[in-house]
């Protein structure tokens, strides 16, 4: 199960993770209008189906009125994909320099990412936080 940010987590709770990911991929990074009852021709209904679209609309609008929502990119965004690529290269044991050259990121960024993943230092040492 993927950890989704903000409104995408709400959407996943009522319509499923696949619906939330489809919405993030189709409209992530933009502001969208969610009507209280999406019609058959609304983009949300076409994307995830009538029942799921109504569940999302009920969750976000409470059936009262339409709502403009800023949709995050979520795991479908470029940054998330690059983090996943960097993480995979770190797991493979590739050097910071090699990863930096392959991804276009600085070695400093790669070093910070490696530290965040807990790959620096002794694996037997537990984190204090």
C-alpha atoms as a PDB file:
ATOM      1  CA  UNK A   1       0.000   0.000   0.000  1.00  0.00           C
ATOM      2  CA  UNK A   2       1.281   3.439  -0.968  1.00  0.00           C
ATOM      3  CA  UNK A   3       1.209   6.428   1.364  1.00  0.00           C
ATOM      4  CA  UNK A   4      -0.665   9.145  -0.485  1.00  0.00           C
ATOM      5  CA  UNK A   5      -0.603  12.851   0.371  1.00  0.00           C
ATOM      6  CA  UNK A   6      -3.611  14.840   1.599  1.00  0.00           C
ATOM      7  CA  UNK A   7      -6.669  14.721  -0.595  1.00  0.00           C
ATOM      8  CA  UNK A   8      -5.381  11.687  -2.500  1.00  0.00           C
ATOM      9  CA  UNK A   9      -5.492   9.705   0.756  1.00  0.00           C
ATOM     10  CA  UNK A  10      -9.109  10.809   1.252  1.00  0.00           C
ATOM     11  CA  UNK A  11      -9.935   9.701  -2.274  1.00  0.00           C
ATOM     12  CA  UNK A  12      -8.218   6.341  -1.726  1.00  0.00           C
ATOM     13  CA  UNK A  13     -10.254   5.791   1.445  1.00  0.00           C
ATOM     14  CA  UNK A  14     -13.584   6.085  -0.388  1.00  0.00           C
ATOM     15  CA  UNK A  15     -12.813   5.021  -3.966  1.00  0.00           C
ATOM     16  CA  UNK A  16      -9.695   2.888  -3.680  1.00  0.00           C
ATOM     17  CA  UNK A  17      -5.998   3.386  -4.227  1.00  0.00           C
ATOM     18  CA  UNK A  18      -6.239   2.713  -7.972  1.00  0.00           C
ATOM     19  CA  UNK A  19      -8.771   5.528  -8.377  1.00  0.00           C
ATOM     20  CA  UNK A  20      -6.603   7.945  -6.381  1.00  0.00           C
ATOM     21  CA  UNK A  21      -3.540   7.079  -8.469  1.00  0.00           C
ATOM     22  CA  UNK A  22      -5.504   7.452 -11.712  1.00  0.00           C
ATOM     23  CA  UNK A  23      -6.701  10.897 -10.604  1.00  0.00           C
ATOM     24  CA  UNK A  24      -3.163  11.924  -9.622  1.00  0.00           C
ATOM     25  CA  UNK A  25      -1.804  10.765 -12.960  1.00  0.00           C
ATOM     26  CA  UNK A  26      -4.531  12.471 -14.993  1.00  0.00           C
ATOM     27  CA  UNK A  27      -4.892  15.755 -13.088  1.00  0.00           C
ATOM     28  CA  UNK A  28      -2.152  15.868 -10.431  1.00  0.00           C
ATOM     29  CA  UNK A  29      -0.453  19.232  -9.966  1.00  0.00           C
ATOM     30  CA  UNK A  30      -3.566  21.153 -11.014  1.00  0.00           C
ATOM     31  CA  UNK A  31      -6.674  22.615  -9.444  1.00  0.00           C
ATOM     32  CA  UNK A  32      -9.888  20.805 -10.343  1.00  0.00           C
ATOM     33  CA  UNK A  33     -13.568  21.416  -9.739  1.00  0.00           C
ATOM     34  CA  UNK A  34     -15.500  18.650  -8.018  1.00  0.00           C
ATOM     35  CA  UNK A  35     -19.284  19.079  -8.290  1.00  0.00           C
ATOM     36  CA  UNK A  36     -21.543  17.714  -5.539  1.00  0.00           C
ATOM     37  CA  UNK A  37     -22.875  15.132  -8.028  1.00  0.00           C
ATOM     38  CA  UNK A  38     -20.601  14.501 -11.036  1.00  0.00           C
ATOM     39  CA  UNK A  39     -22.538  13.934 -14.248  1.00  0.00           C
ATOM     40  CA  UNK A  40     -21.925  11.170 -16.755  1.00  0.00           C
ATOM     41  CA  UNK A  41     -19.854  13.529 -18.923  1.00  0.00           C
ATOM     42  CA  UNK A  42     -17.676  14.880 -16.087  1.00  0.00           C
ATOM     43  CA  UNK A  43     -13.964  14.017 -16.342  1.00  0.00           C
ATOM     44  CA  UNK A  44     -14.005  12.332 -12.919  1.00  0.00           C
ATOM     45  CA  UNK A  45     -16.857   9.999 -13.880  1.00  0.00           C
ATOM     46  CA  UNK A  46     -15.172   9.113 -17.157  1.00  0.00           C
ATOM     47  CA  UNK A  47     -11.893   8.427 -15.375  1.00  0.00           C
ATOM     48  CA  UNK A  48     -12.957   6.284 -12.395  1.00  0.00           C
ATOM     49  CA  UNK A  49     -16.599   5.391 -13.021  1.00  0.00           C
ATOM     50  CA  UNK A  50     -19.919   6.696 -11.746  1.00  0.00           C
ATOM     51  CA  UNK A  51     -20.019   5.083  -8.301  1.00  0.00           C
ATOM     52  CA  UNK A  52     -16.422   5.944  -7.434  1.00  0.00           C
ATOM     53  CA  UNK A  53     -16.841   9.515  -8.720  1.00  0.00           C
ATOM     54  CA  UNK A  54     -19.932   9.996  -6.568  1.00  0.00           C
ATOM     55  CA  UNK A  55     -18.131   8.577  -3.533  1.00  0.00           C
ATOM     56  CA  UNK A  56     -15.250  11.015  -4.092  1.00  0.00           C
ATOM     57  CA  UNK A  57     -17.652  13.931  -4.567  1.00  0.00           C
ATOM     58  CA  UNK A  58     -19.599  13.006  -1.410  1.00  0.00           C
ATOM     59  CA  UNK A  59     -16.374  12.797   0.587  1.00  0.00           C
ATOM     60  CA  UNK A  60     -14.962  16.097  -0.625  1.00  0.00           C
ATOM     61  CA  UNK A  61     -18.089  18.249  -0.980  1.00  0.00           C
ATOM     62  CA  UNK A  62     -20.364  16.660   1.643  1.00  0.00           C
ATOM     63  CA  UNK A  63     -23.098  16.985  -0.990  1.00  0.00           C
ATOM     64  CA  UNK A  64     -23.437  20.698  -0.231  1.00  0.00           C
ATOM     65  CA  UNK A  65     -21.762  22.460  -3.131  1.00  0.00           C
ATOM     66  CA  UNK A  66     -18.962  22.207  -5.638  1.00  0.00           C
ATOM     67  CA  UNK A  67     -15.383  22.500  -4.510  1.00  0.00           C
ATOM     68  CA  UNK A  68     -12.091  23.488  -6.116  1.00  0.00           C
ATOM     69  CA  UNK A  69      -9.344  21.110  -5.046  1.00  0.00           C
ATOM     70  CA  UNK A  70      -5.586  21.357  -5.565  1.00  0.00           C
ATOM     71  CA  UNK A  71      -4.558  17.823  -6.467  1.00  0.00           C
ATOM     72  CA  UNK A  72      -1.018  16.829  -5.511  1.00  0.00           C
ATOM     73  CA  UNK A  73       1.124  14.921  -7.970  1.00  0.00           C
ATOM     74  CA  UNK A  74       1.499  12.053  -5.556  1.00  0.00           C
ATOM     75  CA  UNK A  75       3.690   9.108  -6.518  1.00  0.00           C
ATOM     76  CA  UNK A  76       3.010   9.661 -10.217  1.00  0.00           C
ATOM     77  CA  UNK A  77       4.962  12.925 -10.296  1.00  0.00           C
ATOM     78  CA  UNK A  78       8.431  13.308 -11.773  1.00  0.00           C
ATOM     79  CA  UNK A  79      10.082  13.949  -8.391  1.00  0.00           C
ATOM     80  CA  UNK A  80       8.591  10.794  -6.891  1.00  0.00           C
ATOM     81  CA  UNK A  81       9.689   8.752  -9.895  1.00  0.00           C
ATOM     82  CA  UNK A  82      13.224  10.133  -9.660  1.00  0.00           C
ATOM     83  CA  UNK A  83      13.392   9.387  -5.917  1.00  0.00           C
ATOM     84  CA  UNK A  84      12.318   5.818  -6.663  1.00  0.00           C
ATOM     85  CA  UNK A  85      14.977   5.538  -9.376  1.00  0.00           C
ATOM     86  CA  UNK A  86      17.668   6.926  -7.060  1.00  0.00           C
ATOM     87  CA  UNK A  87      16.534   4.617  -4.245  1.00  0.00           C
ATOM     88  CA  UNK A  88      16.776   1.603  -6.556  1.00  0.00           C
ATOM     89  CA  UNK A  89      20.300   2.586  -7.616  1.00  0.00           C
ATOM     90  CA  UNK A  90      21.316   3.019  -3.979  1.00  0.00           C
ATOM     91  CA  UNK A  91      19.905  -0.431  -3.180  1.00  0.00           C
ATOM     92  CA  UNK A  92      21.971  -1.843  -6.064  1.00  0.00           C
ATOM     93  CA  UNK A  93      25.081  -0.437  -4.377  1.00  0.00           C
ATOM     94  CA  UNK A  94      25.996   2.044  -7.112  1.00  0.00           C
ATOM     95  CA  UNK A  95      28.324   4.920  -6.273  1.00  0.00           C
ATOM     96  CA  UNK A  96      27.089   8.442  -5.551  1.00  0.00           C
ATOM     97  CA  UNK A  97      28.986   9.709  -8.583  1.00  0.00           C
ATOM     98  CA  UNK A  98      27.472   7.088 -10.882  1.00  0.00           C
ATOM     99  CA  UNK A  99      23.946   7.819  -9.620  1.00  0.00           C
ATOM    100  CA  UNK A 100      24.497  11.568 -10.018  1.00  0.00           C
ATOM    101  CA  UNK A 101      25.699  11.145 -13.598  1.00  0.00           C
ATOM    102  CA  UNK A 102      22.754   8.891 -14.489  1.00  0.00           C
ATOM    103  CA  UNK A 103      20.066  11.080 -12.922  1.00  0.00           C
ATOM    104  CA  UNK A 104      21.326  14.640 -13.299  1.00  0.00           C
ATOM    105  CA  UNK A 105      21.202  15.199  -9.543  1.00  0.00           C
ATOM    106  CA  UNK A 106      24.185  16.381  -7.513  1.00  0.00           C
ATOM    107  CA  UNK A 107      26.281  13.992  -5.445  1.00  0.00           C
ATOM    108  CA  UNK A 108      25.217  16.021  -2.404  1.00  0.00           C
ATOM    109  CA  UNK A 109      21.562  15.230  -3.135  1.00  0.00           C
ATOM    110  CA  UNK A 110      22.408  11.552  -3.595  1.00  0.00           C
ATOM    111  CA  UNK A 111      24.357  11.541  -0.313  1.00  0.00           C
ATOM    112  CA  UNK A 112      21.383  13.092   1.525  1.00  0.00           C
ATOM    113  CA  UNK A 113      19.009  10.562  -0.019  1.00  0.00           C
ATOM    114  CA  UNK A 114      21.298   7.686   0.975  1.00  0.00           C
ATOM    115  CA  UNK A 115      21.400   9.020   4.534  1.00  0.00           C
ATOM    116  CA  UNK A 116      17.620   9.310   4.615  1.00  0.00           C
ATOM    117  CA  UNK A 117      17.344   5.680   3.566  1.00  0.00           C
ATOM    118  CA  UNK A 118      19.665   4.702   6.400  1.00  0.00           C
ATOM    119  CA  UNK A 119      22.383   3.367   4.120  1.00  0.00           C
ATOM    120  CA  UNK A 120      25.184   5.385   5.724  1.00  0.00           C
ATOM    121  CA  UNK A 121      26.944   3.980   8.725  1.00  0.00           C
ATOM    122  CA  UNK A 122      26.437   0.740  10.574  1.00  0.00           C
ATOM    123  CA  UNK A 123      23.210  -1.124   9.769  1.00  0.00           C
ATOM    124  CA  UNK A 124      23.266  -2.462  13.321  1.00  0.00           C
ATOM    125  CA  UNK A 125      22.899   1.067  14.711  1.00  0.00           C
ATOM    126  CA  UNK A 126      19.288   1.996  15.432  1.00  0.00           C
ATOM    127  CA  UNK A 127      17.986   5.483  14.644  1.00  0.00           C
ATOM    128  CA  UNK A 128      17.458   7.780  17.601  1.00  0.00           C
ATOM    129  CA  UNK A 129      14.348   9.181  15.964  1.00  0.00           C
END
